[in-house]
N, C-alpha and C. Protein backbone atom coordinates (compact mmCIF):
# COMPACT_ATOMS: atom_id res chain seq x y z
N UNK A 1 0.82 -1.14 0.09
CA UNK A 1 0.10 -0.03 -0.14
C UNK A 1 0.79 1.21 0.07
N UNK A 2 1.91 1.22 0.78
CA UNK A 2 2.82 2.38 0.90
C UNK A 2 3.38 2.63 -0.54
N UNK A 3 3.89 1.58 -1.21
CA UNK A 3 4.38 1.78 -2.60
C UNK A 3 3.50 2.29 -3.59
N UNK A 4 2.20 1.99 -3.42
CA UNK A 4 1.06 2.50 -4.32
C UNK A 4 1.12 4.01 -4.05
N UNK A 5 1.08 4.28 -2.79
CA UNK A 5 0.76 5.75 -2.35
C UNK A 5 1.94 6.55 -2.77
N UNK A 6 3.27 6.05 -2.63
CA UNK A 6 4.31 6.69 -3.05
C UNK A 6 4.37 6.89 -4.67
N UNK A 7 3.99 5.83 -5.30
CA UNK A 7 3.99 6.07 -6.86
C UNK A 7 3.10 7.16 -7.31
N UNK A 8 1.76 7.18 -6.57
CA UNK A 8 0.73 8.15 -6.80
C UNK A 8 1.19 9.54 -6.50
N UNK A 9 1.97 9.66 -5.47
CA UNK A 9 2.51 11.11 -5.05
C UNK A 9 3.53 11.59 -6.03
N UNK A 10 4.37 10.44 -6.49
CA UNK A 10 5.56 10.86 -7.35
C UNK A 10 4.79 11.36 -8.70
N UNK A 11 3.92 10.50 -9.21
CA UNK A 11 3.29 10.96 -10.54
C UNK A 11 2.68 12.27 -10.32
N UNK A 12 1.90 12.44 -9.34
CA UNK A 12 1.19 13.82 -9.15
C UNK A 12 2.23 14.84 -9.05
N UNK A 13 3.31 14.64 -8.42
CA UNK A 13 4.39 15.81 -8.30
C UNK A 13 4.90 16.06 -9.74
N UNK A 14 5.23 15.14 -10.49
CA UNK A 14 5.57 15.28 -11.87
C UNK A 14 4.65 15.98 -12.75
N UNK A 15 3.48 15.59 -12.58
CA UNK A 15 2.27 16.26 -13.37
C UNK A 15 2.29 17.75 -13.03
N UNK A 16 2.23 18.03 -11.64
CA UNK A 16 2.01 19.39 -11.09
C UNK A 16 3.17 20.13 -11.67
N UNK A 17 4.50 19.58 -11.46
CA UNK A 17 5.58 20.34 -11.81
C UNK A 17 5.64 20.66 -13.49
N UNK A 18 5.21 19.82 -14.21
CA UNK A 18 5.01 19.95 -15.67
C UNK A 18 4.08 20.87 -15.98
N UNK A 19 3.03 20.87 -15.32
CA UNK A 19 1.84 21.79 -15.67
C UNK A 19 2.30 23.36 -15.30
N UNK A 20 2.90 23.62 -14.17
CA UNK A 20 3.04 24.84 -13.59
C UNK A 20 4.44 25.44 -13.82
N UNK A 21 5.34 24.61 -14.31
CA UNK A 21 6.64 25.19 -14.52
C UNK A 21 7.17 25.29 -15.97
N UNK A 22 6.26 24.54 -16.76
CA UNK A 22 6.68 24.68 -18.09
C UNK A 22 6.25 25.97 -18.78
N UNK A 23 7.06 26.52 -19.58
CA UNK A 23 6.62 27.81 -20.44
C UNK A 23 7.21 27.73 -21.93
N UNK A 24 6.59 28.44 -22.72
CA UNK A 24 7.03 28.69 -24.07
C UNK A 24 8.42 29.32 -24.06
N UNK A 25 9.45 28.96 -24.75
CA UNK A 25 10.60 29.55 -25.06
C UNK A 25 10.36 30.75 -25.94
N UNK A 26 10.88 31.78 -25.51
CA UNK A 26 10.62 32.99 -26.39
C UNK A 26 12.12 33.26 -27.16
N UNK A 27 11.95 33.46 -28.38
CA UNK A 27 12.98 33.82 -29.19
C UNK A 27 13.21 35.23 -29.20
N UNK A 28 14.28 35.68 -28.44
CA UNK A 28 14.48 37.00 -28.25
C UNK A 28 15.04 37.87 -29.49
N UNK A 29 15.80 36.93 -30.38
CA UNK A 29 16.31 37.72 -31.54
C UNK A 29 17.41 38.47 -31.21
N UNK A 30 17.88 39.33 -32.23
CA UNK A 30 19.00 40.18 -32.24
C UNK A 30 18.49 41.56 -32.10
N UNK A 31 19.38 42.59 -32.16
CA UNK A 31 19.08 44.07 -32.26
C UNK A 31 18.87 44.38 -33.75
N UNK A 32 18.27 45.59 -33.86
CA UNK A 32 18.04 45.96 -35.33
C UNK A 32 19.13 46.20 -36.08
N UNK A 33 20.32 46.50 -35.42
CA UNK A 33 21.47 46.88 -36.22
C UNK A 33 22.62 45.65 -36.04
N UNK A 34 22.11 44.57 -35.72
CA UNK A 34 22.95 43.30 -35.45
C UNK A 34 24.03 43.04 -36.46
N UNK A 35 23.63 43.30 -37.84
CA UNK A 35 24.66 42.97 -38.82
C UNK A 35 25.82 43.93 -38.93
N UNK A 36 25.59 45.05 -38.32
CA UNK A 36 26.61 45.98 -38.24
C UNK A 36 27.45 46.19 -36.86
N UNK A 37 26.75 45.63 -35.89
CA UNK A 37 27.31 45.74 -34.47
C UNK A 37 28.55 44.84 -34.32
N UNK A 38 29.41 45.46 -33.61
CA UNK A 38 30.59 44.50 -33.31
C UNK A 38 31.68 45.30 -32.47
N UNK A 39 32.60 44.39 -32.13
CA UNK A 39 33.97 44.88 -31.40
C UNK A 39 34.99 44.86 -32.48
N UNK A 40 35.66 45.96 -32.58
CA UNK A 40 36.72 46.12 -33.68
C UNK A 40 38.08 46.43 -33.25
N UNK A 41 38.92 45.92 -33.93
CA UNK A 41 40.44 46.48 -33.77
C UNK A 41 40.71 47.35 -35.04
N UNK A 42 40.95 48.51 -34.53
CA UNK A 42 41.13 49.58 -35.47
C UNK A 42 42.44 50.35 -35.45
N UNK A 43 43.00 50.77 -36.69
CA UNK A 43 44.12 51.62 -36.81
C UNK A 43 43.61 52.95 -37.26
N UNK A 44 43.96 53.98 -36.63
CA UNK A 44 43.61 55.33 -36.97
C UNK A 44 44.86 56.09 -37.47
N UNK A 45 44.74 56.68 -38.68
CA UNK A 45 45.90 57.48 -39.11
C UNK A 45 45.50 58.69 -39.69
N UNK A 46 46.17 59.71 -39.55
CA UNK A 46 45.88 61.11 -40.08
C UNK A 46 47.05 61.64 -41.04
N UNK A 47 47.70 60.76 -41.39
CA UNK A 47 48.80 61.28 -42.50
C UNK A 47 50.20 61.31 -41.80
N UNK A 48 50.25 61.87 -40.47
CA UNK A 48 51.46 61.86 -39.75
C UNK A 48 51.65 61.10 -38.57
N UNK A 49 50.40 60.72 -38.11
CA UNK A 49 50.38 59.76 -36.89
C UNK A 49 49.55 58.59 -37.25
N UNK A 50 49.85 57.44 -36.37
CA UNK A 50 48.96 56.30 -36.47
C UNK A 50 48.97 55.65 -35.13
N UNK A 51 47.53 55.41 -34.74
CA UNK A 51 47.32 54.84 -33.55
C UNK A 51 46.43 53.55 -33.75
N UNK A 52 46.83 52.51 -32.98
CA UNK A 52 46.05 51.21 -33.01
C UNK A 52 45.26 51.27 -31.81
N UNK A 53 43.95 51.12 -31.97
CA UNK A 53 42.82 51.10 -30.92
C UNK A 53 42.64 49.57 -30.37
N UNK A 54 42.69 49.40 -29.10
CA UNK A 54 42.26 48.17 -28.43
C UNK A 54 41.01 47.52 -28.86
N UNK A 55 39.94 48.25 -28.73
CA UNK A 55 38.60 47.93 -28.96
C UNK A 55 37.77 49.18 -29.29
N UNK A 56 37.22 49.14 -30.43
CA UNK A 56 36.21 50.23 -30.79
C UNK A 56 34.87 49.39 -31.00
N UNK A 57 33.92 49.87 -30.82
CA UNK A 57 32.56 49.34 -30.82
C UNK A 57 31.53 50.02 -31.73
N UNK A 58 30.62 49.35 -32.37
CA UNK A 58 29.48 49.70 -33.13
C UNK A 58 28.32 48.94 -32.57
N UNK A 59 27.29 49.58 -32.06
CA UNK A 59 26.08 48.92 -31.42
C UNK A 59 24.85 49.76 -31.66
N UNK A 60 23.75 49.16 -31.38
CA UNK A 60 22.41 49.76 -31.50
C UNK A 60 22.14 50.87 -30.46
N UNK A 61 21.29 51.75 -30.85
CA UNK A 61 20.91 52.73 -29.92
C UNK A 61 19.72 52.14 -28.95
N UNK A 62 19.39 52.92 -27.90
CA UNK A 62 18.36 52.30 -27.07
C UNK A 62 16.89 52.28 -27.77
N UNK A 63 16.73 53.19 -28.81
CA UNK A 63 15.53 53.13 -29.53
C UNK A 63 15.55 51.78 -30.58
N UNK A 64 16.70 51.17 -30.71
CA UNK A 64 16.75 49.94 -31.52
C UNK A 64 16.19 50.16 -32.90
N UNK A 65 16.53 51.09 -33.47
CA UNK A 65 16.09 51.28 -34.88
C UNK A 65 17.13 50.71 -35.96
N UNK A 66 16.76 50.29 -37.21
CA UNK A 66 17.59 49.94 -38.08
C UNK A 66 18.34 50.99 -38.89
N UNK A 67 18.06 52.26 -38.49
CA UNK A 67 18.44 53.35 -39.20
C UNK A 67 19.60 54.12 -38.37
N UNK A 68 20.02 53.72 -37.07
CA UNK A 68 20.83 54.44 -36.40
C UNK A 68 21.59 53.40 -35.50
N UNK A 69 23.00 53.88 -35.20
CA UNK A 69 23.72 53.05 -34.33
C UNK A 69 24.84 53.92 -33.70
N UNK A 70 25.50 53.54 -32.62
CA UNK A 70 26.53 54.21 -32.02
C UNK A 70 27.85 53.76 -32.53
N UNK A 71 28.82 54.67 -32.72
CA UNK A 71 30.22 54.16 -33.05
C UNK A 71 31.00 54.79 -32.04
N UNK A 72 31.76 54.00 -31.32
CA UNK A 72 32.57 54.40 -30.09
C UNK A 72 34.14 53.85 -30.05
N UNK A 73 34.71 54.84 -29.60
CA UNK A 73 36.20 54.45 -29.21
C UNK A 73 36.72 55.11 -28.13
N UNK A 74 37.22 54.44 -26.97
CA UNK A 74 37.46 55.08 -25.83
C UNK A 74 39.01 54.88 -25.41
N UNK A 75 39.76 54.45 -26.46
CA UNK A 75 41.13 54.06 -26.04
C UNK A 75 42.22 54.91 -26.92
N UNK A 76 43.32 54.99 -26.37
CA UNK A 76 44.50 55.44 -27.22
C UNK A 76 44.40 56.75 -27.78
N UNK A 77 43.72 57.72 -26.92
CA UNK A 77 43.67 59.16 -27.29
C UNK A 77 42.49 59.60 -28.23
N UNK A 78 41.91 58.77 -28.85
CA UNK A 78 40.77 59.22 -29.67
C UNK A 78 39.53 58.73 -28.89
N UNK A 79 38.99 59.72 -28.09
CA UNK A 79 37.89 59.28 -27.20
C UNK A 79 36.71 59.96 -27.85
N UNK A 80 35.65 59.05 -28.31
CA UNK A 80 34.45 59.52 -28.85
C UNK A 80 33.40 58.38 -28.83
N UNK A 81 32.25 58.85 -28.80
CA UNK A 81 31.16 57.98 -28.88
C UNK A 81 30.00 58.84 -29.56
N UNK A 82 29.64 58.47 -30.66
CA UNK A 82 28.78 59.31 -31.61
C UNK A 82 27.61 58.52 -32.17
N UNK A 83 26.42 59.03 -32.10
CA UNK A 83 25.33 58.42 -32.83
C UNK A 83 25.35 58.70 -34.31
N UNK A 84 25.40 57.62 -35.06
CA UNK A 84 25.33 57.88 -36.57
C UNK A 84 23.91 57.25 -37.17
N UNK A 85 23.74 57.78 -38.56
CA UNK A 85 22.82 57.00 -39.26
C UNK A 85 23.36 55.93 -40.09
N UNK A 86 22.60 54.93 -40.20
CA UNK A 86 23.22 53.73 -40.82
C UNK A 86 22.16 53.19 -41.94
N UNK A 87 22.69 52.55 -42.75
CA UNK A 87 21.99 51.84 -43.98
C UNK A 87 22.39 50.36 -43.99
N UNK A 88 21.55 49.49 -43.50
CA UNK A 88 21.73 48.03 -43.45
C UNK A 88 22.07 47.44 -44.65
N UNK A 89 21.33 47.89 -45.83
CA UNK A 89 21.46 47.22 -47.09
C UNK A 89 22.78 47.49 -47.70
N UNK A 90 23.25 48.69 -47.55
CA UNK A 90 24.70 48.98 -48.18
C UNK A 90 25.88 48.94 -47.06
N UNK A 91 25.39 48.73 -45.83
CA UNK A 91 26.37 48.46 -44.61
C UNK A 91 27.21 49.81 -44.55
N UNK A 92 26.59 50.94 -44.69
CA UNK A 92 27.32 52.15 -44.45
C UNK A 92 26.72 52.88 -43.27
N UNK A 93 27.58 53.94 -42.90
CA UNK A 93 27.15 54.85 -41.64
C UNK A 93 27.82 56.13 -41.68
N UNK A 94 27.25 57.21 -41.23
CA UNK A 94 27.79 58.42 -40.97
C UNK A 94 27.00 59.34 -40.09
N UNK A 95 27.60 60.49 -39.54
CA UNK A 95 26.88 61.41 -38.95
C UNK A 95 26.24 62.40 -39.96
N UNK A 96 25.13 62.97 -39.46
CA UNK A 96 24.54 64.09 -40.31
C UNK A 96 25.29 65.33 -39.77
N UNK A 97 26.61 65.62 -40.38
CA UNK A 97 27.29 66.77 -40.05
C UNK A 97 27.95 66.49 -38.59
N UNK A 98 28.19 67.55 -37.72
CA UNK A 98 28.64 67.49 -36.43
C UNK A 98 27.68 66.89 -35.55
N UNK A 99 28.02 65.85 -34.77
CA UNK A 99 27.14 65.17 -33.83
C UNK A 99 27.83 65.33 -32.27
N UNK A 100 26.99 65.32 -31.44
CA UNK A 100 27.46 65.17 -30.01
C UNK A 100 28.40 64.14 -29.72
N UNK A 101 29.52 64.35 -29.17
CA UNK A 101 30.43 63.36 -28.68
C UNK A 101 30.06 63.09 -27.08
N UNK A 102 29.43 62.10 -26.84
CA UNK A 102 28.92 61.85 -25.49
C UNK A 102 29.89 61.18 -24.62
N UNK A 103 31.19 60.84 -25.12
CA UNK A 103 32.32 60.27 -24.39
C UNK A 103 33.21 61.34 -23.95
N UNK A 104 33.13 62.55 -24.55
CA UNK A 104 33.98 63.63 -24.16
C UNK A 104 33.19 65.03 -24.58
N UNK A 105 33.67 65.98 -23.94
CA UNK A 105 33.01 67.29 -24.36
C UNK A 105 33.41 67.57 -25.89
N UNK A 106 32.42 68.23 -26.54
CA UNK A 106 32.43 68.65 -27.83
C UNK A 106 31.68 67.83 -28.88
N UNK A 107 32.13 67.98 -30.08
CA UNK A 107 31.34 67.21 -31.20
C UNK A 107 32.35 66.38 -32.14
N UNK A 108 31.80 65.51 -32.90
CA UNK A 108 32.49 64.72 -33.76
C UNK A 108 31.74 64.56 -35.03
N UNK A 109 32.45 64.26 -36.09
CA UNK A 109 31.79 63.98 -37.37
C UNK A 109 32.41 62.69 -38.02
N UNK A 110 31.55 61.84 -38.32
CA UNK A 110 32.07 60.68 -38.98
C UNK A 110 31.59 60.49 -40.44
N UNK A 111 32.26 60.27 -41.38
CA UNK A 111 31.98 60.20 -42.72
C UNK A 111 32.52 58.87 -43.33
N UNK A 112 32.01 58.46 -44.57
CA UNK A 112 32.57 57.33 -45.36
C UNK A 112 32.60 56.03 -44.61
N UNK A 113 31.60 55.93 -43.61
CA UNK A 113 31.68 54.64 -42.86
C UNK A 113 31.29 53.43 -43.67
N UNK A 114 31.96 52.33 -43.61
CA UNK A 114 31.46 51.19 -44.41
C UNK A 114 32.07 49.90 -43.70
N UNK A 115 31.22 48.91 -43.65
CA UNK A 115 31.52 47.56 -43.14
C UNK A 115 31.41 46.59 -44.37
N UNK A 116 32.38 45.89 -44.54
CA UNK A 116 32.60 44.93 -45.67
C UNK A 116 32.42 43.47 -45.01
N UNK A 117 31.45 42.66 -45.40
CA UNK A 117 31.28 41.30 -44.97
C UNK A 117 32.43 40.45 -45.39
N UNK A 118 33.05 39.75 -44.50
CA UNK A 118 34.12 38.78 -44.82
C UNK A 118 35.29 39.58 -45.74
N UNK A 119 35.70 40.75 -45.23
CA UNK A 119 36.59 41.65 -46.00
C UNK A 119 38.04 41.32 -45.56
N UNK A 120 38.21 40.79 -44.64
CA UNK A 120 39.70 40.50 -44.24
C UNK A 120 40.03 38.94 -43.81
N UNK A 121 41.19 38.49 -44.42
CA UNK A 121 41.59 37.25 -43.85
C UNK A 121 42.66 37.42 -42.92
N UNK A 122 42.59 36.82 -41.78
CA UNK A 122 43.59 37.02 -40.66
C UNK A 122 44.76 35.96 -40.91
N UNK A 123 45.80 36.22 -40.03
CA UNK A 123 46.93 35.14 -40.15
C UNK A 123 46.53 33.85 -39.78
N UNK A 124 45.43 33.73 -38.92
CA UNK A 124 45.07 32.30 -38.56
C UNK A 124 44.20 31.65 -39.60
N UNK A 125 43.87 32.40 -40.54
CA UNK A 125 43.08 31.79 -41.75
C UNK A 125 41.57 32.21 -41.55
N UNK A 126 41.17 32.76 -40.36
CA UNK A 126 39.75 33.25 -40.16
C UNK A 126 39.43 34.34 -41.15
N UNK A 127 38.32 34.35 -41.66
CA UNK A 127 37.82 35.58 -42.49
C UNK A 127 36.77 36.22 -41.64
N UNK A 128 36.93 37.50 -41.57
CA UNK A 128 36.16 38.31 -40.61
C UNK A 128 35.61 39.68 -41.33
N UNK A 129 34.76 40.41 -40.86
CA UNK A 129 34.37 41.68 -41.40
C UNK A 129 35.47 42.77 -41.27
N UNK A 130 35.42 43.58 -42.21
CA UNK A 130 36.35 44.78 -42.10
C UNK A 130 35.54 46.03 -42.04
N UNK A 131 36.05 47.07 -41.44
CA UNK A 131 35.47 48.38 -41.15
C UNK A 131 36.40 49.52 -41.62
N UNK A 132 35.76 50.57 -42.00
CA UNK A 132 36.46 51.80 -42.39
C UNK A 132 35.63 53.07 -42.21
N UNK A 133 36.23 54.04 -41.81
CA UNK A 133 35.54 55.36 -41.75
C UNK A 133 36.52 56.57 -41.42
N UNK A 134 36.01 57.72 -41.57
CA UNK A 134 36.72 58.87 -41.36
C UNK A 134 36.20 59.70 -40.13
N UNK A 135 36.95 59.99 -39.08
CA UNK A 135 36.50 60.75 -37.93
C UNK A 135 37.23 61.98 -37.73
N UNK A 136 36.51 63.15 -37.38
CA UNK A 136 37.04 64.37 -37.09
C UNK A 136 36.55 64.90 -35.69
N UNK A 137 37.44 65.31 -34.85
CA UNK A 137 36.87 65.88 -33.62
C UNK A 137 36.91 67.31 -33.61
N UNK A 138 36.09 67.97 -33.04
CA UNK A 138 36.09 69.55 -33.09
C UNK A 138 36.96 69.99 -32.09
N UNK A 139 37.67 69.25 -31.25
CA UNK A 139 38.86 69.66 -30.21
C UNK A 139 40.20 69.83 -31.17
N UNK A 140 40.08 69.22 -32.29
CA UNK A 140 41.14 69.22 -33.24
C UNK A 140 40.85 69.42 -34.73
N UNK A 141 40.08 70.47 -34.91
CA UNK A 141 39.40 70.85 -36.30
C UNK A 141 40.38 70.67 -37.43
N UNK A 142 40.03 70.22 -38.55
CA UNK A 142 40.76 70.01 -39.70
C UNK A 142 41.63 68.72 -39.72
N UNK A 143 41.67 68.11 -38.75
CA UNK A 143 42.57 66.76 -38.67
C UNK A 143 41.58 65.67 -38.82
N UNK A 144 41.68 64.94 -39.84
CA UNK A 144 40.70 63.87 -40.21
C UNK A 144 41.54 62.65 -39.90
N UNK A 145 41.03 61.73 -39.01
CA UNK A 145 41.56 60.35 -38.62
C UNK A 145 40.93 59.45 -39.63
N UNK A 146 41.58 58.64 -40.37
CA UNK A 146 41.02 57.58 -41.00
C UNK A 146 41.06 56.28 -40.39
N UNK A 147 40.00 55.61 -40.12
CA UNK A 147 39.95 54.35 -39.31
C UNK A 147 39.79 53.32 -40.29
N UNK A 148 40.56 52.20 -39.99
CA UNK A 148 40.44 51.05 -40.87
C UNK A 148 40.83 49.81 -39.92
N UNK A 149 39.97 48.86 -39.93
CA UNK A 149 40.23 47.79 -39.02
C UNK A 149 39.37 46.49 -39.41
N UNK A 150 39.27 45.65 -38.47
CA UNK A 150 38.60 44.35 -38.63
C UNK A 150 37.83 43.86 -37.33
N UNK A 151 37.05 43.02 -37.49
CA UNK A 151 36.16 42.49 -36.32
C UNK A 151 37.18 41.84 -35.37
N UNK A 152 37.12 41.95 -33.98
CA UNK A 152 37.92 41.37 -33.03
C UNK A 152 37.43 39.94 -32.85
N UNK A 153 38.23 38.91 -32.80
CA UNK A 153 37.94 37.44 -32.82
C UNK A 153 38.05 36.91 -31.25
N UNK A 154 39.01 37.60 -30.47
CA UNK A 154 39.18 37.11 -29.17
C UNK A 154 40.31 35.96 -29.17
N UNK A 155 40.68 35.52 -30.23
CA UNK A 155 41.76 34.41 -30.41
C UNK A 155 42.99 35.06 -30.40
N UNK A 156 43.96 34.57 -29.42
CA UNK A 156 45.20 35.18 -29.45
C UNK A 156 46.06 35.20 -30.73
N UNK A 157 45.96 34.24 -31.59
CA UNK A 157 46.56 34.15 -32.79
C UNK A 157 46.16 35.22 -33.87
N UNK A 158 45.01 35.77 -33.58
CA UNK A 158 44.50 36.85 -34.47
C UNK A 158 44.92 38.38 -34.03
N UNK A 159 45.49 38.44 -32.81
CA UNK A 159 45.91 39.71 -32.30
C UNK A 159 47.06 40.21 -32.84
């Protein structure tokens, strides 16, 4: 009798657990600018100087619109974070004139922004996206830094 009662309680517990703890899995998906978002290793050059940035970022805005994204670099002297317009079809981006630099006081202008799918082959043989753009900071007017780089992989052999 005890065995039957134990089995009934065990089955009831499993049914109760299945009924009240199961839920539908929700596909959260990606952001609106997922195709252009990334962590990048970039070299900035202005004709006389060259700076390699550890990590620059492109990512969606809080509005999560497919027509705008942030471009950010916070290392090695070029400190900027600027909201740009973007076109997912052509994988291009730019500011509309001078835009507020929310990482530092002042403004910045980004032009000629482009991401090329599978545009770089790394020494390890991995093929990753390439990025390029021009940035000008109003703290150093007239000096345009050309940014050129590739998607960060995290693998030591790619650094």
